[in-house]
Amino acid sequence: MNRDTPSPRGVLVVRPEPGLTETCETLTRLGWRCWGMESLVITPRVLPAQTGIAGVLITSSQSIHALSSCVTHDIPVYAVGDATADRVKKLGFQTIVSASGDAAKLAGLVREQLSPSSDTLLLLSGEHQGLPLAETLRADGFHVRRRVAYSAEPAVALSPDVLSAVREGLIGTIMVFSAASARAFCSAVAATDCATDSLRAIAISQNTMQELRKAGIQNILTARTPDMSAMLDRLGPVVPRFPH
């Protein structure tokens, strides 16, 4: 493909549900042709009722199932990003505050709005997730009760339709929404004969970008902030099939 030839209009979205379907729908409305890879298979956990809680911290939408079953709707919820906050709001929780960023911004939000003398903070996260956030807040004097809200197993293979699209050159860009998703994608691709050197990647974070680099992907743009809006900014507009 020379420089005068527009990149394929196809985009592969690499992330777990519920964000996978939502992202594909958004891109389709914008004119992109989309494929999806459910990079992580999420298994929610049911937690017992949690009491003595000043607020709940959730670092991803995958924690929402456990959230709805373990605390009452009058408990404030502090979410890492706007999309997660919107999903929590739909469940009927009365007070939802978004950090509009990452775990570091979520910690800063907690420091601004809560006191270490408050009741315990409930942190809902996945296995092996949320540990740095818990340690940071505990070092600041907060009482943090971390509970594993879900388990996540990486996908082991690309679906037949995605595999065919990559081989046929229909996909020009991959959008990857976490380091774990990047690892799952790279592992799945490594088990095939597909070349990735012509793909453009949009990574939501530096950690995600580094995982993609390990797989030999060189053309990587990293979102300025870890959210959907910044990912779309990096993606840019749809290239017309027949530019003038």
Protein backbone atom coordinates (compact mmCIF):
# COMPACT_ATOMS: atom_id res chain seq x y z
CA MET A 1 0.00 0.00 0.00
CA ASN A 2 1.60 3.31 -1.06
CA ARG A 3 1.15 6.66 0.63
CA ASP A 4 -1.50 7.77 -1.86
CA THR A 5 -3.74 4.81 -1.05
CA PRO A 6 -6.17 5.39 1.82
CA SER A 7 -5.97 3.01 4.77
CA PRO A 8 -8.69 0.37 5.03
CA ARG A 9 -11.82 1.64 6.73
CA GLY A 10 -11.96 -1.39 9.00
CA VAL A 11 -11.34 -1.11 12.73
CA LEU A 12 -10.86 -3.96 15.17
CA VAL A 13 -11.98 -3.06 18.70
CA VAL A 14 -10.15 -5.04 21.37
CA ARG A 15 -11.82 -4.90 24.77
CA PRO A 16 -14.25 -6.88 26.96
CA GLU A 17 -17.97 -6.30 27.24
CA PRO A 18 -19.95 -4.16 27.88
CA GLY A 19 -17.64 -1.61 26.28
CA LEU A 20 -16.97 -3.74 23.21
CA THR A 21 -20.49 -3.56 21.79
CA GLU A 22 -20.89 0.10 22.76
CA THR A 23 -17.64 1.07 21.03
CA CYS A 24 -18.48 -0.85 17.86
CA GLU A 25 -21.88 0.83 17.70
CA THR A 26 -20.26 4.26 18.08
CA LEU A 27 -17.72 3.60 15.33
CA THR A 28 -20.37 2.23 12.99
CA ARG A 29 -22.40 5.42 13.42
CA LEU A 30 -19.27 7.39 12.52
CA GLY A 31 -18.92 5.45 9.28
CA TRP A 32 -16.30 2.86 10.20
CA ARG A 33 -16.60 -0.81 9.40
CA CYS A 34 -16.08 -2.66 12.68
CA TRP A 35 -14.97 -5.99 13.99
CA GLY A 36 -14.74 -6.87 17.66
CA MET A 37 -12.49 -9.05 19.78
CA GLU A 38 -13.83 -9.82 23.23
CA SER A 39 -10.34 -9.83 24.66
CA LEU A 40 -11.26 -10.87 28.19
CA VAL A 41 -13.97 -13.24 29.34
CA ILE A 42 -15.40 -11.67 32.49
CA THR A 43 -16.94 -13.76 35.26
CA PRO A 44 -18.68 -11.56 37.87
CA ARG A 45 -18.65 -12.54 41.52
CA VAL A 46 -21.50 -12.17 43.96
CA LEU A 47 -20.31 -10.49 47.14
CA PRO A 48 -22.04 -10.51 50.52
CA ALA A 49 -23.59 -7.27 51.76
CA GLN A 50 -20.94 -4.73 52.77
CA THR A 51 -21.63 -2.47 55.75
CA GLY A 52 -19.86 0.45 57.41
CA ILE A 53 -18.94 1.90 54.02
CA ALA A 54 -18.31 5.60 53.34
CA GLY A 55 -18.05 5.08 49.61
CA VAL A 56 -17.28 2.58 46.87
CA LEU A 57 -14.41 2.85 44.41
CA ILE A 58 -14.68 1.02 41.10
CA THR A 59 -11.89 0.93 38.57
CA SER A 60 -13.83 -0.61 35.67
CA SER A 61 -17.34 -1.38 34.50
CA GLN A 62 -16.71 -5.06 35.14
CA SER A 63 -17.20 -4.37 38.88
CA ILE A 64 -20.75 -3.09 38.44
CA HIS A 65 -22.46 -6.47 38.81
CA ALA A 66 -20.88 -6.98 42.24
CA LEU A 67 -21.56 -3.35 43.17
CA SER A 68 -25.30 -3.69 42.61
CA SER A 69 -25.52 -6.72 44.89
CA CYS A 70 -23.36 -5.71 47.85
CA VAL A 71 -24.23 -2.09 48.76
CA THR A 72 -27.38 0.02 48.92
CA HIS A 73 -28.02 2.73 46.36
CA ASP A 74 -27.52 5.56 48.84
CA ILE A 75 -23.78 4.80 49.16
CA PRO A 76 -21.64 7.22 47.09
CA VAL A 77 -19.77 5.62 44.20
CA TYR A 78 -16.47 6.97 42.88
CA ALA A 79 -15.77 5.71 39.36
CA VAL A 80 -12.52 5.83 37.44
CA GLY A 81 -14.13 7.16 34.25
CA ASP A 82 -17.21 8.77 32.77
CA ALA A 83 -18.47 5.69 30.92
CA THR A 84 -18.35 3.60 34.09
CA ALA A 85 -20.06 6.39 36.03
CA ASP A 86 -22.86 6.52 33.46
CA ARG A 87 -23.45 2.77 33.77
CA VAL A 88 -23.59 3.03 37.57
CA LYS A 89 -26.11 5.86 37.30
CA LYS A 90 -28.43 3.67 35.23
CA LEU A 91 -28.60 1.23 38.15
CA GLY A 92 -30.20 3.86 40.35
CA PHE A 93 -27.30 4.89 42.57
CA GLN A 94 -27.92 8.36 43.94
CA THR A 95 -24.39 9.79 44.13
CA ILE A 96 -21.84 8.98 41.45
CA VAL A 97 -18.61 10.92 41.00
CA SER A 98 -16.28 10.33 38.06
CA ALA A 99 -12.52 10.84 38.17
CA SER A 100 -12.56 11.16 34.37
CA GLY A 101 -9.21 9.45 34.10
CA ASP A 102 -7.18 6.67 35.61
CA ALA A 103 -6.49 5.17 39.04
CA ALA A 104 -4.17 8.03 39.98
CA LYS A 105 -6.93 10.56 39.31
CA LEU A 106 -9.36 8.40 41.25
CA ALA A 107 -7.02 8.50 44.25
CA GLY A 108 -6.79 12.28 43.92
CA LEU A 109 -10.57 12.55 43.81
CA VAL A 110 -10.86 10.54 47.02
CA ARG A 111 -8.33 12.78 48.77
CA GLU A 112 -10.29 15.87 47.70
CA GLN A 113 -13.73 14.68 48.74
CA LEU A 114 -13.18 12.32 51.66
CA SER A 115 -11.24 12.28 54.90
CA PRO A 116 -9.11 9.43 56.25
CA SER A 117 -11.28 9.65 59.37
CA SER A 118 -14.33 8.58 57.32
CA ASP A 119 -15.68 5.06 57.39
CA THR A 120 -14.11 2.33 55.30
CA LEU A 121 -13.79 2.68 51.52
CA LEU A 122 -14.83 -0.38 49.54
CA LEU A 123 -12.62 -0.96 46.50
CA LEU A 124 -14.08 -3.31 43.89
CA SER A 125 -11.63 -4.59 41.29
CA GLY A 126 -10.58 -7.63 39.35
CA GLU A 127 -8.08 -10.24 40.41
CA HIS A 128 -4.59 -8.71 40.57
CA GLN A 129 -6.15 -5.30 39.89
CA GLY A 130 -6.51 -2.28 42.16
CA LEU A 131 -3.62 -3.17 44.45
CA PRO A 132 -1.55 -0.01 43.81
CA LEU A 133 -4.65 2.15 44.34
CA ALA A 134 -5.40 0.43 47.65
CA GLU A 135 -1.80 0.81 48.80
CA THR A 136 -1.73 4.49 47.85
CA LEU A 137 -4.88 5.32 49.77
CA ARG A 138 -3.83 3.28 52.80
CA ALA A 139 -0.55 5.18 52.85
CA ASP A 140 -2.65 8.36 53.01
CA GLY A 141 -4.44 7.02 56.08
CA PHE A 142 -7.65 5.74 54.47
CA HIS A 143 -9.21 2.47 55.53
CA VAL A 144 -9.63 0.45 52.33
CA ARG A 145 -11.48 -2.85 52.04
CA ARG A 146 -10.59 -4.41 48.71
CA ARG A 147 -12.83 -7.10 47.28
CA VAL A 148 -12.42 -9.03 44.04
CA ALA A 149 -15.54 -8.30 42.01
CA TYR A 150 -14.77 -10.40 38.94
CA SER A 151 -12.25 -12.67 37.29
CA ALA A 152 -10.96 -12.13 33.77
CA GLU A 153 -9.59 -14.80 31.47
CA PRO A 154 -7.88 -13.73 28.24
CA ALA A 155 -9.30 -14.80 24.92
CA VAL A 156 -7.17 -17.51 23.36
CA ALA A 157 -7.94 -17.02 19.67
CA LEU A 158 -9.21 -14.58 17.08
CA SER A 159 -12.70 -15.33 15.81
CA PRO A 160 -12.92 -16.65 12.21
CA ASP A 161 -14.40 -13.40 10.89
CA VAL A 162 -11.66 -11.29 12.48
CA LEU A 163 -8.97 -13.66 11.26
CA SER A 164 -10.30 -13.48 7.70
CA ALA A 165 -10.57 -9.69 7.82
CA VAL A 166 -6.97 -9.31 9.00
CA ARG A 167 -5.68 -11.69 6.34
CA GLU A 168 -7.63 -9.92 3.60
CA GLY A 169 -6.38 -6.49 4.65
CA LEU A 170 -9.84 -5.23 5.55
CA ILE A 171 -8.70 -4.05 8.98
CA GLY A 172 -6.31 -1.12 9.04
CA THR A 173 -6.57 -0.07 12.68
CA ILE A 174 -6.91 -1.79 16.03
CA MET A 175 -8.19 0.07 19.09
CA VAL A 176 -6.97 -1.49 22.34
CA PHE A 177 -8.46 -0.42 25.65
CA SER A 178 -6.17 -1.96 28.29
CA ALA A 179 -2.80 -3.62 28.74
CA ALA A 180 -4.55 -6.92 29.50
CA SER A 181 -6.50 -6.65 26.24
CA ALA A 182 -3.26 -5.94 24.40
CA ARG A 183 -1.65 -9.06 25.83
CA ALA A 184 -4.66 -11.16 24.83
CA PHE A 185 -4.62 -9.78 21.28
CA CYS A 186 -0.88 -10.27 20.85
CA SER A 187 -1.05 -13.83 22.15
CA ALA A 188 -3.94 -14.68 19.84
CA VAL A 189 -2.21 -13.17 16.81
CA ALA A 190 1.04 -14.99 17.59
CA ALA A 191 -0.81 -18.28 17.18
CA THR A 192 -1.72 -17.39 13.57
CA ASP A 193 0.11 -16.60 10.36
CA CYS A 194 -1.22 -13.03 10.32
CA ALA A 195 1.23 -10.17 9.89
CA THR A 196 0.69 -7.10 12.07
CA ASP A 197 3.38 -4.79 10.69
CA SER A 198 0.90 -2.91 8.48
CA LEU A 199 -1.63 -2.31 11.26
CA ARG A 200 -2.08 1.02 12.98
CA ALA A 201 -2.84 0.70 16.69
CA ILE A 202 -4.61 3.13 19.02
CA ALA A 203 -3.64 2.45 22.64
CA ILE A 204 -5.49 3.84 25.64
CA SER A 205 -2.36 4.09 27.81
CA GLN A 206 1.41 3.86 27.82
CA ASN A 207 1.23 0.39 29.38
CA THR A 208 -1.07 -0.73 26.57
CA MET A 209 1.30 0.71 23.99
CA GLN A 210 4.26 -1.14 25.51
CA GLU A 211 2.43 -4.46 25.34
CA LEU A 212 1.64 -3.89 21.65
CA ARG A 213 5.26 -3.01 20.93
CA LYS A 214 6.32 -6.40 22.29
CA ALA A 215 4.32 -7.99 19.48
CA GLY A 216 6.18 -6.00 16.86
CA ILE A 217 3.49 -3.42 16.13
CA GLN A 218 5.31 -0.19 15.37
CA ASN A 219 2.65 2.29 14.25
CA ILE A 220 1.03 3.04 17.61
CA LEU A 221 -0.76 6.19 18.73
CA THR A 222 -1.47 6.60 22.44
CA ALA A 223 -4.55 8.44 23.67
CA ARG A 224 -3.78 11.69 25.46
CA THR A 225 -6.18 10.71 28.23
CA PRO A 226 -7.55 7.23 29.01
CA ASP A 227 -11.08 7.70 27.70
CA MET A 228 -13.21 7.09 24.64
CA SER A 229 -13.11 10.69 23.45
CA ALA A 230 -9.31 10.69 23.33
CA MET A 231 -9.29 7.33 21.57
CA LEU A 232 -11.59 8.71 18.87
CA ASP A 233 -9.36 11.77 18.50
CA ARG A 234 -6.43 9.47 17.77
CA LEU A 235 -8.48 7.41 15.34
CA GLY A 236 -9.39 10.46 13.29
CA PRO A 237 -12.10 10.75 10.63
CA VAL A 238 -13.14 8.02 8.24
CA VAL A 239 -11.11 8.02 5.04
CA PRO A 240 -13.46 8.19 2.03
CA ARG A 241 -13.38 5.15 -0.23
CA PHE A 242 -12.75 7.34 -3.24
CA PRO A 243 -11.05 10.57 -2.11
CA HIS A 244 -11.03 13.46 -4.54
